[in-house]
N, C-alpha and C. Protein backbone atom coordinates (compact mmCIF):
# COMPACT_ATOMS: atom_id res chain seq x y z
N MET A 1 -21.50 75.02 -170.07
CA MET A 1 -21.68 75.78 -171.28
C MET A 1 -22.91 76.67 -171.18
N THR A 2 -24.00 76.16 -170.61
CA THR A 2 -25.21 76.96 -170.49
C THR A 2 -24.95 78.22 -169.67
N ARG A 3 -24.12 78.10 -168.64
CA ARG A 3 -23.80 79.28 -167.83
C ARG A 3 -23.10 80.33 -168.67
N TRP A 4 -22.20 79.92 -169.58
CA TRP A 4 -21.50 80.89 -170.43
C TRP A 4 -22.46 81.57 -171.39
N LEU A 5 -23.37 80.79 -171.95
CA LEU A 5 -24.34 81.36 -172.88
C LEU A 5 -25.21 82.37 -172.16
N LEU A 6 -25.67 82.02 -170.97
CA LEU A 6 -26.49 82.93 -170.20
C LEU A 6 -25.71 84.18 -169.83
N ALA A 7 -24.44 84.04 -169.50
CA ALA A 7 -23.61 85.19 -169.17
C ALA A 7 -23.49 86.13 -170.36
N ILE A 8 -23.34 85.57 -171.55
CA ILE A 8 -23.27 86.40 -172.75
C ILE A 8 -24.58 87.14 -172.97
N LEU A 9 -25.70 86.45 -172.80
CA LEU A 9 -27.00 87.09 -172.98
C LEU A 9 -27.21 88.22 -171.99
N LEU A 10 -26.78 88.02 -170.75
CA LEU A 10 -26.98 89.04 -169.73
C LEU A 10 -26.06 90.23 -169.92
N THR A 11 -24.84 90.00 -170.35
CA THR A 11 -23.90 91.11 -170.49
C THR A 11 -23.99 91.79 -171.85
N ALA A 12 -24.56 91.13 -172.82
CA ALA A 12 -24.65 91.73 -174.16
C ALA A 12 -25.49 93.00 -174.14
N ARG A 13 -26.43 93.07 -173.25
CA ARG A 13 -27.30 94.23 -173.19
C ARG A 13 -26.56 95.49 -172.76
N SER A 14 -25.56 95.34 -171.88
CA SER A 14 -24.88 96.51 -171.36
C SER A 14 -23.48 96.72 -171.92
N ALA A 15 -22.93 95.72 -172.57
CA ALA A 15 -21.55 95.83 -173.06
C ALA A 15 -21.53 96.34 -174.49
N GLY A 16 -20.38 96.86 -174.90
CA GLY A 16 -20.20 97.28 -176.29
C GLY A 16 -19.93 96.08 -177.16
N ALA A 17 -19.80 96.31 -178.47
CA ALA A 17 -19.62 95.21 -179.41
C ALA A 17 -18.33 94.43 -179.18
N ALA A 18 -17.24 95.12 -178.91
CA ALA A 18 -15.95 94.43 -178.74
C ALA A 18 -15.97 93.45 -177.57
N PRO A 19 -16.45 93.84 -176.37
CA PRO A 19 -16.50 92.86 -175.27
C PRO A 19 -17.39 91.66 -175.58
N VAL A 20 -18.47 91.86 -176.28
CA VAL A 20 -19.36 90.74 -176.62
C VAL A 20 -18.64 89.81 -177.59
N ARG A 21 -17.94 90.35 -178.58
CA ARG A 21 -17.17 89.51 -179.50
C ARG A 21 -16.12 88.69 -178.75
N GLU A 22 -15.46 89.33 -177.79
CA GLU A 22 -14.45 88.63 -176.99
C GLU A 22 -15.10 87.50 -176.18
N GLN A 23 -16.26 87.75 -175.61
CA GLN A 23 -16.96 86.72 -174.85
C GLN A 23 -17.37 85.57 -175.76
N CYS A 24 -17.81 85.89 -176.96
CA CYS A 24 -18.18 84.85 -177.92
C CYS A 24 -16.97 83.99 -178.27
N GLN A 25 -15.84 84.63 -178.54
CA GLN A 25 -14.63 83.88 -178.88
C GLN A 25 -14.18 83.00 -177.73
N THR A 26 -14.26 83.51 -176.51
CA THR A 26 -13.91 82.72 -175.33
C THR A 26 -14.81 81.50 -175.23
N LEU A 27 -16.09 81.70 -175.43
CA LEU A 27 -17.04 80.59 -175.38
C LEU A 27 -16.74 79.55 -176.46
N LEU A 28 -16.49 80.01 -177.67
CA LEU A 28 -16.27 79.09 -178.79
C LEU A 28 -14.95 78.33 -178.69
N GLN A 29 -14.00 78.86 -177.94
CA GLN A 29 -12.71 78.19 -177.78
C GLN A 29 -12.68 77.23 -176.60
N ALA A 30 -13.80 77.08 -175.90
CA ALA A 30 -13.86 76.20 -174.73
C ALA A 30 -13.57 74.75 -175.14
N LYS A 31 -12.83 74.07 -174.32
CA LYS A 31 -12.46 72.68 -174.60
C LYS A 31 -13.69 71.80 -174.76
N ALA A 32 -14.73 72.07 -173.99
CA ALA A 32 -15.95 71.27 -174.05
C ALA A 32 -16.64 71.36 -175.41
N LEU A 33 -16.33 72.38 -176.19
CA LEU A 33 -16.98 72.58 -177.49
C LEU A 33 -16.10 72.20 -178.67
N GLN A 34 -14.95 71.62 -178.42
CA GLN A 34 -14.01 71.30 -179.50
C GLN A 34 -14.63 70.41 -180.58
N ASN A 35 -15.44 69.45 -180.21
CA ASN A 35 -16.03 68.53 -181.17
C ASN A 35 -17.52 68.77 -181.38
N ALA A 36 -17.98 69.94 -180.98
CA ALA A 36 -19.41 70.24 -181.09
C ALA A 36 -19.69 71.11 -182.31
N ARG A 37 -20.89 71.01 -182.81
CA ARG A 37 -21.36 71.95 -183.84
C ARG A 37 -22.05 73.08 -183.13
N VAL A 38 -21.54 74.27 -183.29
CA VAL A 38 -22.04 75.41 -182.54
C VAL A 38 -22.41 76.52 -183.51
N GLY A 39 -23.58 77.09 -183.30
CA GLY A 39 -24.00 78.28 -184.02
C GLY A 39 -24.31 79.36 -183.01
N LEU A 40 -23.84 80.56 -183.27
CA LEU A 40 -24.02 81.66 -182.33
C LEU A 40 -24.27 82.94 -183.12
N TYR A 41 -25.27 83.68 -182.69
CA TYR A 41 -25.58 84.96 -183.34
C TYR A 41 -26.09 85.90 -182.26
N VAL A 42 -25.43 87.04 -182.10
CA VAL A 42 -25.82 88.02 -181.10
C VAL A 42 -26.10 89.33 -181.82
N LEU A 43 -27.29 89.88 -181.59
CA LEU A 43 -27.74 91.09 -182.25
C LEU A 43 -28.10 92.13 -181.20
N ASP A 44 -27.66 93.36 -181.38
CA ASP A 44 -28.07 94.46 -180.52
C ASP A 44 -29.46 94.89 -180.98
N LEU A 45 -30.47 94.68 -180.14
CA LEU A 45 -31.84 94.96 -180.54
C LEU A 45 -32.13 96.45 -180.66
N GLU A 46 -31.35 97.28 -179.99
CA GLU A 46 -31.58 98.72 -180.07
C GLU A 46 -31.04 99.32 -181.37
N THR A 47 -29.89 98.83 -181.82
CA THR A 47 -29.28 99.39 -183.03
C THR A 47 -29.39 98.47 -184.24
N ASN A 48 -29.90 97.26 -184.02
CA ASN A 48 -30.02 96.24 -185.06
C ASN A 48 -28.66 95.91 -185.68
N THR A 49 -27.62 95.94 -184.83
CA THR A 49 -26.25 95.68 -185.24
C THR A 49 -25.83 94.30 -184.81
N GLU A 50 -25.20 93.56 -185.72
CA GLU A 50 -24.67 92.24 -185.38
C GLU A 50 -23.44 92.43 -184.49
N LEU A 51 -23.47 91.82 -183.30
CA LEU A 51 -22.35 91.93 -182.37
C LEU A 51 -21.37 90.79 -182.56
N CYS A 52 -21.85 89.60 -182.87
CA CYS A 52 -20.97 88.49 -183.22
C CYS A 52 -21.79 87.39 -183.88
N SER A 53 -21.11 86.63 -184.72
CA SER A 53 -21.76 85.53 -185.41
C SER A 53 -20.73 84.44 -185.69
N HIS A 54 -21.11 83.22 -185.40
CA HIS A 54 -20.29 82.05 -185.72
C HIS A 54 -21.26 80.99 -186.23
N HIS A 55 -21.27 80.77 -187.52
CA HIS A 55 -22.24 79.87 -188.16
C HIS A 55 -23.66 80.28 -187.77
N GLY A 56 -23.88 81.58 -187.66
CA GLY A 56 -25.17 82.11 -187.22
C GLY A 56 -26.31 81.87 -188.19
N ASP A 57 -26.00 81.56 -189.44
CA ASP A 57 -27.05 81.33 -190.42
C ASP A 57 -27.33 79.84 -190.66
N GLU A 58 -26.61 78.97 -189.94
CA GLU A 58 -26.85 77.53 -190.08
C GLU A 58 -28.02 77.09 -189.21
N LEU A 59 -28.84 76.19 -189.74
CA LEU A 59 -29.94 75.63 -188.97
C LEU A 59 -29.42 74.43 -188.19
N LEU A 60 -29.50 74.51 -186.87
CA LEU A 60 -29.03 73.44 -186.00
C LEU A 60 -30.17 72.97 -185.11
N ILE A 61 -30.09 71.75 -184.63
CA ILE A 61 -31.09 71.23 -183.70
C ILE A 61 -30.64 71.61 -182.30
N PRO A 62 -31.37 72.50 -181.62
CA PRO A 62 -30.93 72.95 -180.29
C PRO A 62 -31.19 71.91 -179.21
N ALA A 63 -30.36 71.95 -178.19
CA ALA A 63 -30.58 71.11 -177.01
C ALA A 63 -31.77 71.69 -176.24
N SER A 64 -32.44 70.86 -175.47
CA SER A 64 -33.63 71.30 -174.75
C SER A 64 -33.38 72.47 -173.82
N ASN A 65 -32.25 72.48 -173.12
CA ASN A 65 -31.99 73.59 -172.20
C ASN A 65 -31.74 74.90 -172.94
N VAL A 66 -31.23 74.85 -174.15
CA VAL A 66 -31.02 76.07 -174.92
C VAL A 66 -32.36 76.63 -175.38
N LYS A 67 -33.32 75.77 -175.65
CA LYS A 67 -34.65 76.24 -176.05
C LYS A 67 -35.28 77.11 -174.96
N VAL A 68 -35.06 76.73 -173.72
CA VAL A 68 -35.61 77.49 -172.60
C VAL A 68 -34.99 78.88 -172.55
N VAL A 69 -33.68 78.97 -172.66
CA VAL A 69 -32.99 80.27 -172.62
C VAL A 69 -33.39 81.12 -173.83
N SER A 70 -33.45 80.51 -175.01
CA SER A 70 -33.82 81.24 -176.22
C SER A 70 -35.24 81.78 -176.13
N THR A 71 -36.14 80.96 -175.63
CA THR A 71 -37.53 81.38 -175.49
C THR A 71 -37.66 82.52 -174.49
N ALA A 72 -36.96 82.43 -173.37
CA ALA A 72 -37.01 83.49 -172.37
C ALA A 72 -36.47 84.80 -172.93
N ALA A 73 -35.37 84.73 -173.67
CA ALA A 73 -34.80 85.94 -174.27
C ALA A 73 -35.74 86.54 -175.31
N ALA A 74 -36.35 85.69 -176.12
CA ALA A 74 -37.29 86.17 -177.15
C ALA A 74 -38.52 86.81 -176.50
N LEU A 75 -39.07 86.18 -175.47
CA LEU A 75 -40.24 86.74 -174.79
C LEU A 75 -39.90 88.08 -174.13
N ASP A 76 -38.72 88.18 -173.56
CA ASP A 76 -38.31 89.44 -172.94
C ASP A 76 -38.18 90.55 -173.98
N ALA A 77 -37.59 90.22 -175.12
CA ALA A 77 -37.35 91.24 -176.14
C ALA A 77 -38.60 91.56 -176.96
N LEU A 78 -39.39 90.55 -177.29
CA LEU A 78 -40.50 90.73 -178.23
C LEU A 78 -41.87 90.84 -177.57
N LYS A 79 -41.97 90.42 -176.32
CA LYS A 79 -43.23 90.39 -175.54
C LYS A 79 -44.13 89.26 -176.05
N ALA A 80 -45.01 88.82 -175.20
CA ALA A 80 -45.82 87.61 -175.44
C ALA A 80 -46.78 87.76 -176.62
N ASN A 81 -47.23 88.96 -176.95
CA ASN A 81 -48.22 89.13 -178.03
C ASN A 81 -47.58 89.39 -179.39
N PHE A 82 -46.25 89.19 -179.53
CA PHE A 82 -45.56 89.42 -180.80
C PHE A 82 -46.04 88.42 -181.86
N ARG A 83 -46.29 88.90 -183.04
CA ARG A 83 -46.71 88.03 -184.16
C ARG A 83 -45.89 88.36 -185.38
């Protein structure tokens, strides 16, 4: 699952909204996630446009490996001195 999430993060930057939505749907339909609580929110940082959302406004407890990916993405987008 982590590989799929990372693939979405890497391709979201260069793909249009429709391909990202399709990738999100593919990820969410994975058999491994059938009984999982999943929240997903992808935003185009250049246009501030929501590309896909699935329970994106729910507060969930992330797994430790997701924290690493989320932190790396945030640091890349916002830079270390962001406040």
